[in-house]
N, C-alpha and C. Protein backbone atom coordinates (compact mmCIF):
# COMPACT_ATOMS: atom_id res chain seq x y z
N MET A 1 -18.87 71.81 -125.53
CA MET A 1 -19.08 71.06 -124.84
C MET A 1 -20.51 70.27 -125.17
N ASN A 2 -20.50 68.83 -125.24
CA ASN A 2 -22.02 68.53 -126.09
C ASN A 2 -22.30 67.81 -124.46
N HIS A 3 -24.25 67.24 -124.73
CA HIS A 3 -25.02 67.29 -123.08
C HIS A 3 -24.62 66.32 -122.95
N ARG A 4 -23.83 65.27 -122.89
CA ARG A 4 -23.30 64.14 -121.95
C ARG A 4 -22.55 65.03 -121.14
N ALA A 5 -21.29 66.15 -121.60
CA ALA A 5 -19.93 66.44 -121.08
C ALA A 5 -21.04 67.30 -119.87
N VAL A 6 -22.10 68.37 -120.07
CA VAL A 6 -22.92 69.02 -119.24
C VAL A 6 -23.55 68.39 -118.46
N VAL A 7 -24.17 66.95 -118.54
CA VAL A 7 -24.36 66.35 -117.79
C VAL A 7 -23.99 65.65 -116.40
N ARG A 8 -22.73 65.39 -117.25
CA ARG A 8 -21.35 64.62 -115.90
C ARG A 8 -21.29 66.08 -115.47
N SER A 9 -21.01 67.37 -115.79
CA SER A 9 -20.36 68.30 -115.08
C SER A 9 -21.39 69.10 -114.28
N VAL A 10 -22.04 68.65 -114.51
CA VAL A 10 -23.54 69.95 -113.94
C VAL A 10 -24.24 69.02 -112.52
N MET A 11 -24.58 67.57 -113.73
CA MET A 11 -25.69 67.03 -113.09
C MET A 11 -25.44 65.62 -112.20
N LEU A 12 -24.48 65.54 -112.20
CA LEU A 12 -23.75 64.15 -111.38
C LEU A 12 -23.05 65.02 -110.12
N PRO A 13 -22.59 65.99 -110.21
CA PRO A 13 -22.14 66.60 -108.81
C PRO A 13 -23.18 66.62 -107.56
N ALA A 14 -23.88 67.37 -108.52
CA ALA A 14 -25.50 67.82 -107.81
C ALA A 14 -26.07 66.61 -107.17
N LEU A 15 -26.47 65.21 -107.89
CA LEU A 15 -27.12 64.32 -107.68
C LEU A 15 -25.93 64.23 -106.36
N VAL A 16 -25.03 63.79 -106.18
CA VAL A 16 -24.10 62.89 -105.35
C VAL A 16 -24.69 64.11 -104.02
N ALA A 17 -24.79 65.13 -104.08
CA ALA A 17 -24.77 66.17 -102.84
C ALA A 17 -25.98 65.77 -102.32
N THR A 18 -26.76 65.62 -103.21
CA THR A 18 -27.89 65.31 -102.57
C THR A 18 -28.72 64.21 -102.16
N SER A 19 -27.57 63.32 -102.94
CA SER A 19 -27.87 61.56 -101.49
C SER A 19 -27.23 61.22 -100.59
N LEU A 20 -26.01 62.60 -100.55
CA LEU A 20 -25.03 63.22 -99.55
C LEU A 20 -25.85 63.37 -97.82
N LEU A 21 -26.50 64.53 -98.86
CA LEU A 21 -28.07 64.88 -98.02
C LEU A 21 -29.03 64.35 -97.28
N ALA A 22 -29.25 63.84 -98.34
CA ALA A 22 -30.64 62.61 -97.29
C ALA A 22 -29.78 61.37 -96.97
N PHE A 23 -28.89 61.05 -97.37
CA PHE A 23 -27.86 59.91 -96.00
C PHE A 23 -28.06 60.17 -95.01
N ALA A 24 -27.25 61.78 -95.00
CA ALA A 24 -27.09 62.35 -93.68
C ALA A 24 -28.32 62.18 -92.82
N ALA A 25 -29.43 62.77 -93.20
CA ALA A 25 -30.58 63.28 -92.58
C ALA A 25 -31.16 61.96 -92.20
N SER A 26 -31.24 60.68 -92.71
CA SER A 26 -31.72 59.32 -92.59
C SER A 26 -31.06 58.59 -91.90
N ALA A 27 -29.85 58.80 -91.50
CA ALA A 27 -28.64 58.34 -90.38
C ALA A 27 -29.56 58.20 -89.19
N GLU A 28 -29.14 56.85 -88.66
CA GLU A 28 -29.84 56.50 -87.34
C GLU A 28 -28.66 57.10 -86.33
N PRO A 29 -30.03 57.56 -85.62
CA PRO A 29 -29.54 57.94 -84.13
C PRO A 29 -27.99 56.88 -83.54
N VAL A 30 -27.61 58.27 -81.92
CA VAL A 30 -26.29 57.01 -81.85
C VAL A 30 -26.69 56.91 -79.91
N PHE A 31 -26.92 55.85 -79.63
CA PHE A 31 -27.45 55.41 -78.00
C PHE A 31 -26.08 55.64 -78.07
N TYR A 32 -26.09 55.98 -76.34
CA TYR A 32 -25.01 55.63 -75.31
C TYR A 32 -25.14 55.39 -73.96
N THR A 33 -24.80 55.32 -73.04
CA THR A 33 -24.98 54.22 -71.76
C THR A 33 -23.23 55.11 -70.89
N LEU A 34 -23.82 56.04 -70.12
CA LEU A 34 -22.47 56.13 -68.78
C LEU A 34 -23.12 55.75 -68.14
N GLU A 35 -21.85 54.21 -66.83
CA GLU A 35 -22.63 53.96 -65.84
C GLU A 35 -21.48 54.42 -65.04
N LEU A 36 -22.06 55.18 -63.41
CA LEU A 36 -21.06 55.17 -62.79
C LEU A 36 -21.27 55.02 -61.70
N LYS A 37 -20.16 54.76 -60.66
CA LYS A 37 -20.54 54.28 -59.78
C LYS A 37 -20.33 55.69 -58.34
N VAL A 38 -21.29 55.92 -57.61
CA VAL A 38 -21.25 57.35 -56.56
C VAL A 38 -20.57 56.48 -55.31
N ASP A 39 -20.14 57.33 -54.93
CA ASP A 39 -19.99 57.67 -52.96
C ASP A 39 -21.51 57.88 -52.41
N PRO A 40 -21.79 56.43 -52.16
CA PRO A 40 -23.15 56.39 -51.39
C PRO A 40 -23.53 57.43 -50.76
N ALA A 41 -22.41 57.91 -49.38
CA ALA A 41 -22.96 59.02 -48.68
C ALA A 41 -23.20 60.44 -49.34
N LYS A 42 -22.86 60.50 -50.64
CA LYS A 42 -22.77 61.67 -51.92
C LYS A 42 -23.95 61.70 -52.46
N SER A 43 -24.55 59.85 -52.73
CA SER A 43 -25.22 60.42 -54.02
C SER A 43 -26.70 61.29 -54.21
N ALA A 44 -27.34 61.32 -53.17
CA ALA A 44 -28.50 62.40 -53.27
C ALA A 44 -27.87 63.58 -53.87
N GLN A 45 -26.98 63.36 -53.27
CA GLN A 45 -25.95 65.26 -53.26
C GLN A 45 -25.61 65.14 -55.13
N PHE A 46 -24.77 64.09 -55.62
CA PHE A 46 -24.73 63.84 -57.24
C PHE A 46 -25.66 64.27 -58.09
N ILE A 47 -27.24 63.46 -57.46
CA ILE A 47 -28.08 63.44 -58.47
C ILE A 47 -28.40 64.72 -58.69
N GLU A 48 -28.93 65.74 -57.10
CA GLU A 48 -29.14 66.86 -57.40
C GLU A 48 -28.53 67.86 -58.74
N PHE A 49 -27.17 67.92 -58.17
CA PHE A 49 -25.54 68.49 -59.27
C PHE A 49 -26.03 67.79 -60.95
N MET A 50 -26.54 66.83 -60.79
CA MET A 50 -26.11 66.38 -62.48
C MET A 50 -27.66 66.78 -62.88
N LYS A 51 -29.03 66.85 -62.18
CA LYS A 51 -30.26 67.37 -62.30
C LYS A 51 -29.72 68.93 -63.16
N ALA A 52 -29.35 69.72 -62.24
CA ALA A 52 -28.69 71.00 -62.51
C ALA A 52 -28.48 70.74 -64.18
N ALA A 53 -26.73 70.41 -64.21
CA ALA A 53 -26.25 70.19 -65.48
C ALA A 53 -27.13 69.51 -66.50
N ALA A 54 -27.90 68.84 -66.34
CA ALA A 54 -28.88 68.09 -67.30
C ALA A 54 -29.39 68.91 -68.20
N GLU A 55 -29.40 70.28 -68.00
CA GLU A 55 -30.40 71.11 -68.81
C GLU A 55 -29.20 71.65 -70.06
N ASP A 56 -28.07 71.82 -69.75
CA ASP A 56 -27.11 72.14 -70.70
C ASP A 56 -27.13 71.10 -71.72
N THR A 57 -26.62 69.58 -71.19
CA THR A 57 -27.07 68.53 -71.74
C THR A 57 -28.03 68.27 -72.90
N ARG A 58 -29.09 68.63 -72.24
CA ARG A 58 -29.99 68.46 -73.44
C ARG A 58 -30.55 69.57 -74.18
N ALA A 59 -29.87 70.40 -73.72
CA ALA A 59 -30.07 72.20 -75.04
C ALA A 59 -28.65 71.49 -75.44
N PHE A 60 -27.70 70.74 -75.22
CA PHE A 60 -26.78 70.52 -76.90
C PHE A 60 -27.23 70.17 -78.08
N GLU A 61 -26.57 71.06 -78.87
CA GLU A 61 -26.85 70.55 -80.38
C GLU A 61 -26.70 68.99 -80.59
N GLY A 62 -28.01 68.56 -81.13
CA GLY A 62 -27.86 66.94 -81.55
C GLY A 62 -28.19 65.90 -80.52
N CYS A 63 -28.01 66.47 -78.83
CA CYS A 63 -28.80 66.19 -78.50
C CYS A 63 -30.60 65.70 -78.43
N GLN A 64 -30.84 64.11 -78.26
CA GLN A 64 -32.52 63.79 -78.74
C GLN A 64 -32.98 63.95 -76.73
N TYR A 65 -32.56 63.04 -76.53
CA TYR A 65 -33.00 62.36 -75.12
C TYR A 65 -31.46 62.50 -74.11
N PHE A 66 -31.88 62.80 -72.99
CA PHE A 66 -31.07 62.39 -71.96
C PHE A 66 -31.83 62.37 -70.87
N ALA A 67 -30.97 60.93 -69.99
CA ALA A 67 -31.82 60.62 -68.60
C ALA A 67 -31.27 59.92 -67.70
N ILE A 68 -31.63 60.11 -66.50
CA ILE A 68 -30.57 60.11 -65.26
C ILE A 68 -31.24 59.02 -64.78
N LEU A 69 -30.35 57.30 -64.91
CA LEU A 69 -31.14 56.66 -64.39
C LEU A 69 -30.51 56.18 -62.57
N VAL A 70 -31.60 55.75 -61.33
CA VAL A 70 -31.23 55.52 -60.31
C VAL A 70 -31.17 54.22 -60.54
N ASN A 71 -30.04 53.01 -60.02
CA ASN A 71 -30.04 51.81 -59.74
C ASN A 71 -31.43 51.75 -58.04
N GLU A 72 -32.52 51.61 -58.67
CA GLU A 72 -33.65 51.36 -57.34
C GLU A 72 -33.19 50.40 -55.96
N SER A 73 -32.39 49.63 -56.05
CA SER A 73 -32.09 48.24 -55.05
C SER A 73 -29.93 48.77 -54.82
N ASP A 74 -29.80 50.29 -55.46
CA ASP A 74 -28.38 50.15 -54.96
C ASP A 74 -28.14 52.09 -55.73
N PRO A 75 -28.36 52.68 -54.63
CA PRO A 75 -28.75 54.15 -55.49
C PRO A 75 -27.28 54.64 -55.55
N SER A 76 -26.31 53.99 -55.49
CA SER A 76 -24.51 54.31 -55.70
C SER A 76 -24.56 54.29 -56.57
N SER A 77 -25.17 53.11 -57.73
CA SER A 77 -25.54 53.16 -59.32
C SER A 77 -26.12 54.03 -59.77
N VAL A 78 -25.08 54.83 -61.17
CA VAL A 78 -26.19 55.40 -61.74
C VAL A 78 -25.67 55.67 -63.53
N LEU A 79 -26.79 55.52 -64.02
CA LEU A 79 -26.59 55.27 -65.47
C LEU A 79 -27.28 56.40 -65.95
N PHE A 80 -26.26 56.87 -67.32
CA PHE A 80 -26.83 58.00 -67.89
C PHE A 80 -27.12 57.06 -69.54
N TYR A 81 -28.38 57.42 -69.39
CA TYR A 81 -28.46 57.12 -71.43
C TYR A 81 -29.47 58.10 -72.10
N GLU A 82 -28.46 58.36 -72.96
CA GLU A 82 -28.55 59.25 -74.07
C GLU A 82 -28.61 58.76 -75.67
N ILE A 83 -29.18 60.35 -76.63
CA ILE A 83 -29.38 59.39 -77.61
C ILE A 83 -29.45 60.56 -78.31
N TRP A 84 -28.36 60.53 -79.37
CA TRP A 84 -27.84 61.90 -80.04
C TRP A 84 -28.16 61.69 -81.30
N ASP A 85 -28.05 62.82 -81.83
CA ASP A 85 -28.25 62.85 -83.64
C ASP A 85 -27.19 62.04 -84.26
N SER A 86 -26.04 62.05 -83.90
CA SER A 86 -24.64 61.38 -84.54
C SER A 86 -23.61 61.50 -83.29
N LYS A 87 -22.67 60.50 -83.83
CA LYS A 87 -21.82 60.02 -83.08
C LYS A 87 -20.84 61.44 -82.59
N ALA A 88 -20.89 62.15 -84.14
CA ALA A 88 -20.23 63.76 -84.01
C ALA A 88 -20.18 64.65 -82.72
N ASP A 89 -21.87 64.20 -83.10
CA ASP A 89 -22.56 65.40 -82.17
C ASP A 89 -21.72 65.27 -80.86
N HIS A 90 -21.97 63.72 -79.97
CA HIS A 90 -21.71 63.10 -79.05
C HIS A 90 -20.27 63.53 -78.59
N GLU A 91 -19.85 63.66 -79.40
CA GLU A 91 -18.20 64.06 -78.95
C GLU A 91 -17.98 65.07 -78.68
N ALA A 92 -18.57 66.24 -79.55
CA ALA A 92 -18.41 67.57 -79.37
C ALA A 92 -19.11 67.83 -78.18
N TYR A 93 -20.10 66.99 -77.62
CA TYR A 93 -20.61 67.44 -76.31
C TYR A 93 -19.36 66.95 -76.10
N ARG A 94 -18.94 65.88 -75.67
CA ARG A 94 -17.86 65.18 -75.01
C ARG A 94 -16.95 66.26 -74.54
N ALA A 95 -16.15 66.88 -75.58
CA ALA A 95 -15.31 67.88 -75.66
C ALA A 95 -15.52 68.94 -75.49
N TRP A 96 -16.72 69.78 -75.01
CA TRP A 96 -17.12 70.58 -74.64
C TRP A 96 -16.96 70.52 -73.13
N ARG A 97 -17.75 69.53 -73.06
CA ARG A 97 -17.58 69.35 -70.86
C ARG A 97 -16.10 69.00 -70.48
N ALA A 98 -15.33 68.58 -71.67
CA ALA A 98 -13.76 68.13 -71.06
C ALA A 98 -13.13 70.08 -71.06
N GLU A 99 -13.72 70.41 -71.50
CA GLU A 99 -12.82 72.21 -71.70
C GLU A 99 -13.47 72.54 -70.46
N THR A 100 -14.66 72.63 -70.06
CA THR A 100 -15.12 73.18 -68.96
C THR A 100 -14.32 72.12 -67.62
N LYS A 101 -14.29 71.49 -67.60
CA LYS A 101 -13.43 70.81 -66.53
C LYS A 101 -14.49 70.36 -65.37
N PHE A 102 -15.81 69.52 -66.31
CA PHE A 102 -16.73 68.65 -65.82
C PHE A 102 -15.76 67.88 -64.97
N GLY A 103 -15.43 67.29 -65.70
CA GLY A 103 -14.87 65.94 -65.03
C GLY A 103 -14.10 66.53 -63.57
N GLU A 104 -13.84 67.59 -63.13
CA GLU A 104 -13.12 67.70 -62.24
C GLU A 104 -14.59 68.06 -60.91
N LYS A 105 -15.49 68.69 -61.64
CA LYS A 105 -16.21 68.99 -60.71
C LYS A 105 -16.95 67.80 -59.91
N ILE A 106 -17.36 66.75 -60.99
CA ILE A 106 -17.95 65.68 -60.51
C ILE A 106 -17.10 64.45 -59.94
N GLY A 107 -15.81 64.76 -60.09
CA GLY A 107 -14.73 63.84 -59.61
C GLY A 107 -15.03 62.95 -57.88
N PRO A 108 -15.32 64.41 -57.21
CA PRO A 108 -15.20 63.85 -55.68
C PRO A 108 -16.68 63.13 -55.23
N TYR A 109 -17.44 63.37 -56.00
CA TYR A 109 -18.95 62.05 -56.03
C TYR A 109 -18.68 60.90 -56.61
N LEU A 110 -17.60 60.42 -56.98
CA LEU A 110 -17.69 59.31 -57.96
C LEU A 110 -16.72 58.03 -57.06
N GLN A 111 -16.42 57.07 -57.48
CA GLN A 111 -15.79 55.59 -56.77
C GLN A 111 -16.11 54.66 -57.79
N GLY A 112 -14.43 54.43 -58.09
CA GLY A 112 -14.10 53.03 -59.23
C GLY A 112 -14.38 54.10 -61.05
N GLN A 113 -14.35 52.90 -61.75
CA GLN A 113 -14.02 53.18 -63.19
C GLN A 113 -15.31 53.49 -63.66
N ALA A 114 -15.35 54.23 -64.76
CA ALA A 114 -16.98 54.64 -65.72
C ALA A 114 -16.62 53.45 -66.26
N VAL A 115 -18.01 53.33 -66.91
CA VAL A 115 -18.05 52.25 -68.02
C VAL A 115 -19.17 53.07 -69.34
N ALA A 116 -18.12 53.31 -70.10
CA ALA A 116 -19.32 54.04 -71.19
C ALA A 116 -19.16 53.33 -72.45
N THR A 117 -20.61 53.16 -73.01
CA THR A 117 -20.85 52.25 -74.29
C THR A 117 -21.70 52.81 -75.29
N TYR A 118 -21.13 52.88 -76.68
CA TYR A 118 -21.68 53.59 -77.70
C TYR A 118 -22.69 51.56 -78.22
N TYR A 119 -24.30 52.72 -78.22
CA TYR A 119 -25.18 51.31 -79.28
C TYR A 119 -25.70 51.36 -80.63
N VAL A 120 -26.02 51.07 -81.42
CA VAL A 120 -26.63 51.03 -82.45
C VAL A 120 -27.90 50.23 -82.52
N LYS A 121 -29.04 50.86 -82.76
CA LYS A 121 -30.25 50.28 -82.98
C LYS A 121 -30.38 49.22 -83.78
N ALA A 122 -30.82 47.86 -83.54
CA ALA A 122 -30.30 46.55 -84.26
C ALA A 122 -31.94 46.66 -85.09
N ASP A 123 -33.30 47.20 -84.64
CA ASP A 123 -34.29 46.40 -85.37
C ASP A 123 -35.26 48.12 -85.66
N ASP A 124 -36.24 47.79 -85.35
CA ASP A 124 -37.37 48.92 -85.94
C ASP A 124 -37.67 49.74 -84.97
């Protein structure tokens, strides 16, 4: 095998793998919001329930930040603001929550449709 063949067969795959790892490490995080309308009579209970559940969310692999935000003029409007290492990490988290039937646990607190949105950062 000549020198060029060695470079192509050994070095090229190593360079590609290194480039992919560098890309993955430098990938931008994913920003996610979930807006919920809560039964006003149950909003305080809901917030306490979610504060306890937030511990598991914050500990989940890939979660960089998780906040529960309550509209100061309408406590029945709750927004979850999340930052994840990747969309795949967030999707794994959502799948876990579905497996544990978390939606059934929060269902009695909710009114109306949830609004979920993914964002990408547009500036430095």
